[in-house]
Amino acid sequence: MPAGPLPHEEIEDRLRELPGWAFEADRLTRTYRLAGHFAAAAMVVHIARVQEEMNHHSDLTLGYDSVSLSVHTHDAGGAVTERDFALAAHVEALADAHGAS
């Protein structure tokens, strides 16, 4: 069963728990800065593993020293759902281990 879209007010309230994350173009977004390209690539691999385990995937972009995510739920018509916040929380939890800011 697809997750239901969250109301805009709830999205804004819940973003207060996720510093650095934003609600842009109907998606949750975040860019992390890292020490260099290898650190950023390692974080991408770690995020990809988490996404596979959750069966929920973001648009994930690797830069020289950055990792950017953009996530929404396709089977909810592209809306932001609880699944998106769960993924964002998992990524936040692993970011420190990669030295991401």
PDB file of N, CA and C in Angstrom:
ATOM      1  N   MET A   1       0.845  -1.184   0.000  1.00  0.00           N
ATOM      2  CA  MET A   1       0.000   0.000   0.000  1.00  0.00           C
ATOM      3  C   MET A   1       0.887   1.243   0.000  1.00  0.00           C
ATOM      4  N   PRO A   2       0.637   2.193  -0.901  1.00  0.00           N
ATOM      5  CA  PRO A   2       1.456   3.402  -0.977  1.00  0.00           C
ATOM      6  C   PRO A   2       1.268   4.277   0.263  1.00  0.00           C
ATOM      7  N   ALA A   3       2.341   4.964   0.609  1.00  0.00           N
ATOM      8  CA  ALA A   3       2.289   5.916   1.715  1.00  0.00           C
ATOM      9  C   ALA A   3       1.506   7.144   1.280  1.00  0.00           C
ATOM     10  N   GLY A   4       0.761   7.729   2.209  1.00  0.00           N
ATOM     11  CA  GLY A   4      -0.031   8.913   1.886  1.00  0.00           C
ATOM     12  C   GLY A   4       0.786  10.186   1.960  1.00  0.00           C
ATOM     13  N   PRO A   5       0.445  11.163   1.119  1.00  0.00           N
ATOM     14  CA  PRO A   5       1.144  12.452   1.141  1.00  0.00           C
ATOM     15  C   PRO A   5       0.973  13.143   2.491  1.00  0.00           C
ATOM     16  N   LEU A   6       2.021  13.821   2.928  1.00  0.00           N
ATOM     17  CA  LEU A   6       1.953  14.593   4.168  1.00  0.00           C
ATOM     18  C   LEU A   6       1.521  16.024   3.844  1.00  0.00           C
ATOM     19  N   PRO A   7       0.724  16.637   4.726  1.00  0.00           N
ATOM     20  CA  PRO A   7       0.343  18.035   4.516  1.00  0.00           C
ATOM     21  C   PRO A   7       1.572  18.949   4.612  1.00  0.00           C
ATOM     22  N   HIS A   8       1.548  20.042   3.879  1.00  0.00           N
ATOM     23  CA  HIS A   8       2.671  20.982   3.833  1.00  0.00           C
ATOM     24  C   HIS A   8       3.070  21.435   5.236  1.00  0.00           C
ATOM     25  N   GLU A   9       2.101  21.706   6.098  1.00  0.00           N
ATOM     26  CA  GLU A   9       2.402  22.177   7.453  1.00  0.00           C
ATOM     27  C   GLU A   9       3.181  21.120   8.236  1.00  0.00           C
ATOM     28  N   GLU A  10       2.808  19.862   8.082  1.00  0.00           N
ATOM     29  CA  GLU A  10       3.517  18.788   8.780  1.00  0.00           C
ATOM     30  C   GLU A  10       4.934  18.636   8.238  1.00  0.00           C
ATOM     31  N   ILE A  11       5.092  18.778   6.949  1.00  0.00           N
ATOM     32  CA  ILE A  11       6.434  18.709   6.344  1.00  0.00           C
ATOM     33  C   ILE A  11       7.315  19.794   6.950  1.00  0.00           C
ATOM     34  N   GLU A  12       6.814  21.016   6.990  1.00  0.00           N
ATOM     35  CA  GLU A  12       7.595  22.121   7.540  1.00  0.00           C
ATOM     36  C   GLU A  12       7.923  21.889   9.015  1.00  0.00           C
ATOM     37  N   ASP A  13       6.985  21.384   9.779  1.00  0.00           N
ATOM     38  CA  ASP A  13       7.228  21.092  11.203  1.00  0.00           C
ATOM     39  C   ASP A  13       8.304  20.028  11.361  1.00  0.00           C
ATOM     40  N   ARG A  14       8.226  18.986  10.582  1.00  0.00           N
ATOM     41  CA  ARG A  14       9.169  17.875  10.714  1.00  0.00           C
ATOM     42  C   ARG A  14      10.561  18.223  10.214  1.00  0.00           C
ATOM     43  N   LEU A  15      10.659  19.189   9.317  1.00  0.00           N
ATOM     44  CA  LEU A  15      11.978  19.609   8.842  1.00  0.00           C
ATOM     45  C   LEU A  15      12.801  20.245   9.959  1.00  0.00           C
ATOM     46  N   ARG A  16      12.145  20.753  10.984  1.00  0.00           N
ATOM     47  CA  ARG A  16      12.877  21.331  12.121  1.00  0.00           C
ATOM     48  C   ARG A  16      13.731  20.277  12.821  1.00  0.00           C
ATOM     49  N   GLU A  17      13.370  19.012  12.669  1.00  0.00           N
ATOM     50  CA  GLU A  17      14.119  17.903  13.264  1.00  0.00           C
ATOM     51  C   GLU A  17      15.282  17.457  12.379  1.00  0.00           C
ATOM     52  N   LEU A  18      15.371  18.007  11.169  1.00  0.00           N
ATOM     53  CA  LEU A  18      16.394  17.604  10.200  1.00  0.00           C
ATOM     54  C   LEU A  18      17.153  18.831   9.701  1.00  0.00           C
ATOM     55  N   PRO A  19      18.063  19.368  10.514  1.00  0.00           N
ATOM     56  CA  PRO A  19      18.821  20.549  10.085  1.00  0.00           C
ATOM     57  C   PRO A  19      19.515  20.322   8.743  1.00  0.00           C
ATOM     58  N   GLY A  20      19.454  21.321   7.891  1.00  0.00           N
ATOM     59  CA  GLY A  20      20.094  21.238   6.579  1.00  0.00           C
ATOM     60  C   GLY A  20      19.183  20.725   5.483  1.00  0.00           C
ATOM     61  N   TRP A  21      18.093  20.061   5.859  1.00  0.00           N
ATOM     62  CA  TRP A  21      17.141  19.573   4.867  1.00  0.00           C
ATOM     63  C   TRP A  21      16.145  20.671   4.548  1.00  0.00           C
ATOM     64  N   ALA A  22      15.625  20.655   3.322  1.00  0.00           N
ATOM     65  CA  ALA A  22      14.652  21.665   2.885  1.00  0.00           C
ATOM     66  C   ALA A  22      13.548  20.983   2.081  1.00  0.00           C
ATOM     67  N   PHE A  23      12.470  21.696   1.911  1.00  0.00           N
ATOM     68  CA  PHE A  23      11.354  21.257   1.071  1.00  0.00           C
ATOM     69  C   PHE A  23      11.356  22.169  -0.138  1.00  0.00           C
ATOM     70  N   GLU A  24      11.767  21.626  -1.286  1.00  0.00           N
ATOM     71  CA  GLU A  24      11.891  22.398  -2.525  1.00  0.00           C
ATOM     72  C   GLU A  24      11.306  21.596  -3.677  1.00  0.00           C
ATOM     73  N   ALA A  25      10.490  22.249  -4.479  1.00  0.00           N
ATOM     74  CA  ALA A  25       9.913  21.615  -5.667  1.00  0.00           C
ATOM     75  C   ALA A  25       9.247  20.285  -5.319  1.00  0.00           C
ATOM     76  N   ASP A  26       8.494  20.272  -4.220  1.00  0.00           N
ATOM     77  CA  ASP A  26       7.744  19.096  -3.773  1.00  0.00           C
ATOM     78  C   ASP A  26       8.628  17.906  -3.416  1.00  0.00           C
ATOM     79  N   ARG A  27       9.848  18.183  -2.948  1.00  0.00           N
ATOM     80  CA  ARG A  27      10.787  17.138  -2.551  1.00  0.00           C
ATOM     81  C   ARG A  27      11.541  17.569  -1.303  1.00  0.00           C
ATOM     82  N   LEU A  28      12.042  16.584  -0.559  1.00  0.00           N
ATOM     83  CA  LEU A  28      12.999  16.861   0.505  1.00  0.00           C
ATOM     84  C   LEU A  28      14.378  16.879  -0.142  1.00  0.00           C
ATOM     85  N   THR A  29      15.181  17.888   0.183  1.00  0.00           N
ATOM     86  CA  THR A  29      16.501  18.014  -0.432  1.00  0.00           C
ATOM     87  C   THR A  29      17.557  18.308   0.631  1.00  0.00           C
ATOM     88  N   ARG A  30      18.787  17.897   0.322  1.00  0.00           N
ATOM     89  CA  ARG A  30      19.911  18.174   1.221  1.00  0.00           C
ATOM     90  C   ARG A  30      21.190  17.993   0.444  1.00  0.00           C
ATOM     91  N   THR A  31      22.161  18.886   0.671  1.00  0.00           N
ATOM     92  CA  THR A  31      23.507  18.726   0.120  1.00  0.00           C
ATOM     93  C   THR A  31      24.484  18.675   1.287  1.00  0.00           C
ATOM     94  N   TYR A  32      25.345  17.684   1.255  1.00  0.00           N
ATOM     95  CA  TYR A  32      26.395  17.516   2.259  1.00  0.00           C
ATOM     96  C   TYR A  32      27.735  17.869   1.639  1.00  0.00           C
ATOM     97  N   ARG A  33      28.614  18.474   2.426  1.00  0.00           N
ATOM     98  CA  ARG A  33      29.999  18.744   2.015  1.00  0.00           C
ATOM     99  C   ARG A  33      30.898  17.753   2.742  1.00  0.00           C
ATOM    100  N   LEU A  34      31.904  17.263   2.020  1.00  0.00           N
ATOM    101  CA  LEU A  34      32.827  16.283   2.575  1.00  0.00           C
ATOM    102  C   LEU A  34      34.266  16.710   2.308  1.00  0.00           C
ATOM    103  N   ALA A  35      35.217  15.956   2.862  1.00  0.00           N
ATOM    104  CA  ALA A  35      36.633  16.315   2.769  1.00  0.00           C
ATOM    105  C   ALA A  35      37.181  16.226   1.345  1.00  0.00           C
ATOM    106  N   GLY A  36      36.614  15.420   0.508  1.00  0.00           N
ATOM    107  CA  GLY A  36      37.110  15.257  -0.855  1.00  0.00           C
ATOM    108  C   GLY A  36      36.257  14.259  -1.610  1.00  0.00           C
ATOM    109  N   HIS A  37      36.716  13.929  -2.804  1.00  0.00           N
ATOM    110  CA  HIS A  37      35.934  13.072  -3.689  1.00  0.00           C
ATOM    111  C   HIS A  37      35.776  11.644  -3.155  1.00  0.00           C
ATOM    112  N   PHE A  38      36.843  11.065  -2.630  1.00  0.00           N
ATOM    113  CA  PHE A  38      36.745   9.697  -2.130  1.00  0.00           C
ATOM    114  C   PHE A  38      35.753   9.620  -0.974  1.00  0.00           C
ATOM    115  N   ALA A  39      35.787  10.584  -0.061  1.00  0.00           N
ATOM    116  CA  ALA A  39      34.846  10.604   1.071  1.00  0.00           C
ATOM    117  C   ALA A  39      33.416  10.736   0.569  1.00  0.00           C
ATOM    118  N   ALA A  40      33.206  11.572  -0.434  1.00  0.00           N
ATOM    119  CA  ALA A  40      31.861  11.749  -0.997  1.00  0.00           C
ATOM    120  C   ALA A  40      31.385  10.466  -1.680  1.00  0.00           C
ATOM    121  N   ALA A  41      32.279   9.815  -2.430  1.00  0.00           N
ATOM    122  CA  ALA A  41      31.913   8.567  -3.111  1.00  0.00           C
ATOM    123  C   ALA A  41      31.574   7.473  -2.095  1.00  0.00           C
ATOM    124  N   ALA A  42      32.324   7.406  -1.009  1.00  0.00           N
ATOM    125  CA  ALA A  42      32.040   6.409   0.027  1.00  0.00           C
ATOM    126  C   ALA A  42      30.670   6.655   0.651  1.00  0.00           C
ATOM    127  N   MET A  43      30.323   7.915   0.851  1.00  0.00           N
ATOM    128  CA  MET A  43      29.011   8.226   1.420  1.00  0.00           C
ATOM    129  C   MET A  43      27.899   7.827   0.448  1.00  0.00           C
ATOM    130  N   VAL A  44      28.100   8.061  -0.837  1.00  0.00           N
ATOM    131  CA  VAL A  44      27.106   7.665  -1.841  1.00  0.00           C
ATOM    132  C   VAL A  44      26.864   6.162  -1.782  1.00  0.00           C
ATOM    133  N   VAL A  45      27.912   5.381  -1.678  1.00  0.00           N
ATOM    134  CA  VAL A  45      27.768   3.923  -1.612  1.00  0.00           C
ATOM    135  C   VAL A  45      26.987   3.535  -0.356  1.00  0.00           C
ATOM    136  N   HIS A  46      27.288   4.171   0.757  1.00  0.00           N
ATOM    137  CA  HIS A  46      26.595   3.881   2.007  1.00  0.00           C
ATOM    138  C   HIS A  46      25.104   4.232   1.896  1.00  0.00           C
ATOM    139  N   ILE A  47      24.802   5.390   1.326  1.00  0.00           N
ATOM    140  CA  ILE A  47      23.407   5.792   1.126  1.00  0.00           C
ATOM    141  C   ILE A  47      22.700   4.807   0.197  1.00  0.00           C
ATOM    142  N   ALA A  48      23.368   4.404  -0.872  1.00  0.00           N
ATOM    143  CA  ALA A  48      22.764   3.453  -1.814  1.00  0.00           C
ATOM    144  C   ALA A  48      22.399   2.148  -1.111  1.00  0.00           C
ATOM    145  N   ARG A  49      23.256   1.688  -0.207  1.00  0.00           N
ATOM    146  CA  ARG A  49      22.959   0.462   0.526  1.00  0.00           C
ATOM    147  C   ARG A  49      21.731   0.646   1.414  1.00  0.00           C
ATOM    148  N   VAL A  50      21.656   1.765   2.116  1.00  0.00           N
ATOM    149  CA  VAL A  50      20.500   2.058   2.971  1.00  0.00           C
ATOM    150  C   VAL A  50      19.226   2.115   2.137  1.00  0.00           C
ATOM    151  N   GLN A  51      19.306   2.763   0.985  1.00  0.00           N
ATOM    152  CA  GLN A  51      18.132   2.880   0.111  1.00  0.00           C
ATOM    153  C   GLN A  51      17.662   1.511  -0.373  1.00  0.00           C
ATOM    154  N   GLU A  52      18.581   0.633  -0.690  1.00  0.00           N
ATOM    155  CA  GLU A  52      18.202  -0.722  -1.107  1.00  0.00           C
ATOM    156  C   GLU A  52      17.511  -1.456   0.034  1.00  0.00           C
ATOM    157  N   GLU A  53      18.069  -1.326   1.241  1.00  0.00           N
ATOM    158  CA  GLU A  53      17.472  -1.986   2.407  1.00  0.00           C
ATOM    159  C   GLU A  53      16.060  -1.466   2.677  1.00  0.00           C
ATOM    160  N   MET A  54      15.847  -0.172   2.461  1.00  0.00           N
ATOM    161  CA  MET A  54      14.541   0.438   2.706  1.00  0.00           C
ATOM    162  C   MET A  54      13.597   0.279   1.516  1.00  0.00           C
ATOM    163  N   ASN A  55      14.139  -0.107   0.361  1.00  0.00           N
ATOM    164  CA  ASN A  55      13.379  -0.149  -0.884  1.00  0.00           C
ATOM    165  C   ASN A  55      12.725   1.208  -1.152  1.00  0.00           C
ATOM    166  N   HIS A  56      13.531   2.246  -0.949  1.00  0.00           N
ATOM    167  CA  HIS A  56      13.083   3.630  -1.188  1.00  0.00           C
ATOM    168  C   HIS A  56      14.308   4.412  -1.621  1.00  0.00           C
ATOM    169  N   HIS A  57      14.237   5.025  -2.794  1.00  0.00           N
ATOM    170  CA  HIS A  57      15.424   5.608  -3.415  1.00  0.00           C
ATOM    171  C   HIS A  57      15.248   7.090  -3.709  1.00  0.00           C
ATOM    172  N   SER A  58      16.321   7.825  -3.487  1.00  0.00           N
ATOM    173  CA  SER A  58      16.336   9.249  -3.800  1.00  0.00           C
ATOM    174  C   SER A  58      17.055   9.463  -5.126  1.00  0.00           C
ATOM    175  N   ASP A  59      16.974  10.693  -5.630  1.00  0.00           N
ATOM    176  CA  ASP A  59      17.896  11.117  -6.671  1.00  0.00           C
ATOM    177  C   ASP A  59      19.160  11.491  -5.906  1.00  0.00           C
ATOM    178  N   LEU A  60      20.251  10.873  -6.245  1.00  0.00           N
ATOM    179  CA  LEU A  60      21.496  10.987  -5.499  1.00  0.00           C
ATOM    180  C   LEU A  60      22.569  11.484  -6.452  1.00  0.00           C
ATOM    181  N   THR A  61      23.215  12.610  -6.100  1.00  0.00           N
ATOM    182  CA  THR A  61      24.203  13.218  -6.983  1.00  0.00           C
ATOM    183  C   THR A  61      25.543  13.321  -6.279  1.00  0.00           C
ATOM    184  N   LEU A  62      26.582  12.806  -6.926  1.00  0.00           N
ATOM    185  CA  LEU A  62      27.944  12.875  -6.421  1.00  0.00           C
ATOM    186  C   LEU A  62      28.667  14.021  -7.089  1.00  0.00           C
ATOM    187  N   GLY A  63      29.206  14.916  -6.283  1.00  0.00           N
ATOM    188  CA  GLY A  63      30.073  15.984  -6.780  1.00  0.00           C
ATOM    189  C   GLY A  63      31.495  15.712  -6.332  1.00  0.00           C
ATOM    190  N   TYR A  64      32.411  16.607  -6.634  1.00  0.00           N
ATOM    191  CA  TYR A  64      33.805  16.397  -6.223  1.00  0.00           C
ATOM    192  C   TYR A  64      33.909  16.195  -4.720  1.00  0.00           C
ATOM    193  N   ASP A  65      33.312  17.084  -3.947  1.00  0.00           N
ATOM    194  CA  ASP A  65      33.355  16.981  -2.485  1.00  0.00           C
ATOM    195  C   ASP A  65      31.964  17.171  -1.879  1.00  0.00           C
ATOM    196  N   SER A  66      30.951  16.713  -2.619  1.00  0.00           N
ATOM    197  CA  SER A  66      29.582  16.890  -2.144  1.00  0.00           C
ATOM    198  C   SER A  66      28.702  15.706  -2.546  1.00  0.00           C
ATOM    199  N   VAL A  67      27.644  15.550  -1.771  1.00  0.00           N
ATOM    200  CA  VAL A  67      26.608  14.562  -2.055  1.00  0.00           C
ATOM    201  C   VAL A  67      25.279  15.278  -1.897  1.00  0.00           C
ATOM    202  N   SER A  68      24.430  15.205  -2.913  1.00  0.00           N
ATOM    203  CA  SER A  68      23.115  15.840  -2.853  1.00  0.00           C
ATOM    204  C   SER A  68      22.037  14.781  -3.010  1.00  0.00           C
ATOM    205  N   LEU A  69      20.963  14.955  -2.234  1.00  0.00           N
ATOM    206  CA  LEU A  69      19.818  14.059  -2.303  1.00  0.00           C
ATOM    207  C   LEU A  69      18.570  14.868  -2.580  1.00  0.00           C
ATOM    208  N   SER A  70      17.665  14.269  -3.298  1.00  0.00           N
ATOM    209  CA  SER A  70      16.345  14.830  -3.563  1.00  0.00           C
ATOM    210  C   SER A  70      15.388  13.645  -3.528  1.00  0.00           C
ATOM    211  N   VAL A  71      14.407  13.692  -2.623  1.00  0.00           N
ATOM    212  CA  VAL A  71      13.570  12.515  -2.429  1.00  0.00           C
ATOM    213  C   VAL A  71      12.095  12.877  -2.326  1.00  0.00           C
ATOM    214  N   HIS A  72      11.293  12.047  -2.951  1.00  0.00           N
ATOM    215  CA  HIS A  72       9.839  12.078  -2.831  1.00  0.00           C
ATOM    216  C   HIS A  72       9.356  10.660  -3.118  1.00  0.00           C
ATOM    217  N   THR A  73       8.081  10.424  -2.932  1.00  0.00           N
ATOM    218  CA  THR A  73       7.559   9.070  -3.093  1.00  0.00           C
ATOM    219  C   THR A  73       6.801   8.956  -4.408  1.00  0.00           C
ATOM    220  N   HIS A  74       7.358   8.186  -5.331  1.00  0.00           N
ATOM    221  CA  HIS A  74       6.760   8.036  -6.656  1.00  0.00           C
ATOM    222  C   HIS A  74       5.360   7.451  -6.602  1.00  0.00           C
ATOM    223  N   ASP A  75       5.158   6.415  -5.773  1.00  0.00           N
ATOM    224  CA  ASP A  75       3.841   5.776  -5.760  1.00  0.00           C
ATOM    225  C   ASP A  75       2.804   6.555  -4.953  1.00  0.00           C
ATOM    226  N   ALA A  76       3.178   7.764  -4.495  1.00  0.00           N
ATOM    227  CA  ALA A  76       2.216   8.686  -3.873  1.00  0.00           C
ATOM    228  C   ALA A  76       2.058   9.910  -4.767  1.00  0.00           C
ATOM    229  N   GLY A  77       2.299   9.720  -6.054  1.00  0.00           N
ATOM    230  CA  GLY A  77       2.142  10.812  -7.006  1.00  0.00           C
ATOM    231  C   GLY A  77       3.232  11.861  -6.926  1.00  0.00           C
ATOM    232  N   GLY A  78       4.400  11.483  -6.397  1.00  0.00           N
ATOM    233  CA  GLY A  78       5.510  12.425  -6.295  1.00  0.00           C
ATOM    234  C   GLY A  78       5.426  13.313  -5.068  1.00  0.00           C
ATOM    235  N   ALA A  79       4.562  12.976  -4.126  1.00  0.00           N
ATOM    236  CA  ALA A  79       4.419  13.762  -2.901  1.00  0.00           C
ATOM    237  C   ALA A  79       5.449  13.311  -1.862  1.00  0.00           C
ATOM    238  N   VAL A  80       5.629  14.129  -0.836  1.00  0.00           N
ATOM    239  CA  VAL A  80       6.488  13.762   0.292  1.00  0.00           C
ATOM    240  C   VAL A  80       5.641  12.976   1.291  1.00  0.00           C
ATOM    241  N   THR A  81       6.202  11.846   1.747  1.00  0.00           N
ATOM    242  CA  THR A  81       5.504  10.958   2.671  1.00  0.00           C
ATOM    243  C   THR A  81       6.409  10.622   3.861  1.00  0.00           C
ATOM    244  N   GLU A  82       5.869   9.835   4.757  1.00  0.00           N
ATOM    245  CA  GLU A  82       6.636   9.348   5.906  1.00  0.00           C
ATOM    246  C   GLU A  82       7.892   8.611   5.461  1.00  0.00           C
ATOM    247  N   ARG A  83       7.818   7.890   4.364  1.00  0.00           N
ATOM    248  CA  ARG A  83       8.983   7.146   3.858  1.00  0.00           C
ATOM    249  C   ARG A  83      10.142   8.069   3.531  1.00  0.00           C
ATOM    250  N   ASP A  84       9.843   9.254   3.024  1.00  0.00           N
ATOM    251  CA  ASP A  84      10.898  10.214   2.693  1.00  0.00           C
ATOM    252  C   ASP A  84      11.592  10.714   3.950  1.00  0.00           C
ATOM    253  N   PHE A  85      10.804  10.985   4.991  1.00  0.00           N
ATOM    254  CA  PHE A  85      11.398  11.424   6.252  1.00  0.00           C
ATOM    255  C   PHE A  85      12.208  10.299   6.894  1.00  0.00           C
ATOM    256  N   ALA A  86      11.761   9.066   6.764  1.00  0.00           N
ATOM    257  CA  ALA A  86      12.521   7.936   7.300  1.00  0.00           C
ATOM    258  C   ALA A  86      13.872   7.819   6.601  1.00  0.00           C
ATOM    259  N   LEU A  87      13.883   7.972   5.283  1.00  0.00           N
ATOM    260  CA  LEU A  87      15.141   7.920   4.540  1.00  0.00           C
ATOM    261  C   LEU A  87      16.043   9.077   4.941  1.00  0.00           C
ATOM    262  N   ALA A  88      15.493  10.276   5.036  1.00  0.00           N
ATOM    263  CA  ALA A  88      16.288  11.442   5.430  1.00  0.00           C
ATOM    264  C   ALA A  88      16.914  11.222   6.807  1.00  0.00           C
ATOM    265  N   ALA A  89      16.162  10.670   7.739  1.00  0.00           N
ATOM    266  CA  ALA A  89      16.689  10.410   9.087  1.00  0.00           C
ATOM    267  C   ALA A  89      17.817   9.383   9.048  1.00  0.00           C
ATOM    268  N   HIS A  90      17.686   8.347   8.228  1.00  0.00           N
ATOM    269  CA  HIS A  90      18.758   7.356   8.098  1.00  0.00           C
ATOM    270  C   HIS A  90      20.020   8.001   7.529  1.00  0.00           C
ATOM    271  N   VAL A  91      19.860   8.835   6.518  1.00  0.00           N
ATOM    272  CA  VAL A  91      21.023   9.492   5.913  1.00  0.00           C
ATOM    273  C   VAL A  91      21.679  10.424   6.934  1.00  0.00           C
ATOM    274  N   GLU A  92      20.901  11.165   7.678  1.00  0.00           N
ATOM    275  CA  GLU A  92      21.453  12.034   8.728  1.00  0.00           C
ATOM    276  C   GLU A  92      22.254  11.228   9.724  1.00  0.00           C
ATOM    277  N   ALA A  93      21.750  10.056  10.091  1.00  0.00           N
ATOM    278  CA  ALA A  93      22.427   9.221  11.082  1.00  0.00           C
ATOM    279  C   ALA A  93      23.785   8.726  10.600  1.00  0.00           C
ATOM    280  N   LEU A  94      23.955   8.543   9.300  1.00  0.00           N
ATOM    281  CA  LEU A  94      25.224   8.047   8.788  1.00  0.00           C
ATOM    282  C   LEU A  94      26.179   9.162   8.347  1.00  0.00           C
ATOM    283  N   ALA A  95      25.682  10.377   8.219  1.00  0.00           N
ATOM    284  CA  ALA A  95      26.497  11.485   7.706  1.00  0.00           C
ATOM    285  C   ALA A  95      27.707  11.778   8.578  1.00  0.00           C
ATOM    286  N   ASP A  96      27.559  11.756   9.892  1.00  0.00           N
ATOM    287  CA  ASP A  96      28.680  12.046  10.784  1.00  0.00           C
ATOM    288  C   ASP A  96      29.836  11.073  10.582  1.00  0.00           C
ATOM    289  N   ALA A  97      29.522   9.813  10.380  1.00  0.00           N
ATOM    290  CA  ALA A  97      30.567   8.804  10.197  1.00  0.00           C
ATOM    291  C   ALA A  97      31.410   9.088   8.956  1.00  0.00           C
ATOM    292  N   HIS A  98      30.871   9.855   8.019  1.00  0.00           N
ATOM    293  CA  HIS A  98      31.592  10.201   6.796  1.00  0.00           C
ATOM    294  C   HIS A  98      32.217  11.587   6.874  1.00  0.00           C
ATOM    295  N   GLY A  99      32.058  12.256   7.993  1.00  0.00           N
ATOM    296  CA  GLY A  99      32.609  13.612   8.140  1.00  0.00           C
ATOM    297  C   GLY A  99      31.838  14.635   7.329  1.00  0.00           C
ATOM    298  N   ALA A 100      30.589  14.348   7.033  1.00  0.00           N
ATOM    299  CA  ALA A 100      29.774  15.246   6.199  1.00  0.00           C
ATOM    300  C   ALA A 100      29.230  16.393   7.036  1.00  0.00           C
ATOM    301  N   SER A 101      29.122  17.539   6.400  1.00  0.00           N
ATOM    302  CA  SER A 101      28.499  18.688   7.063  1.00  0.00           C
ATOM    303  C   SER A 101      27.497  19.344   6.148  1.00  0.00           C
TER     304      SER A 101
END
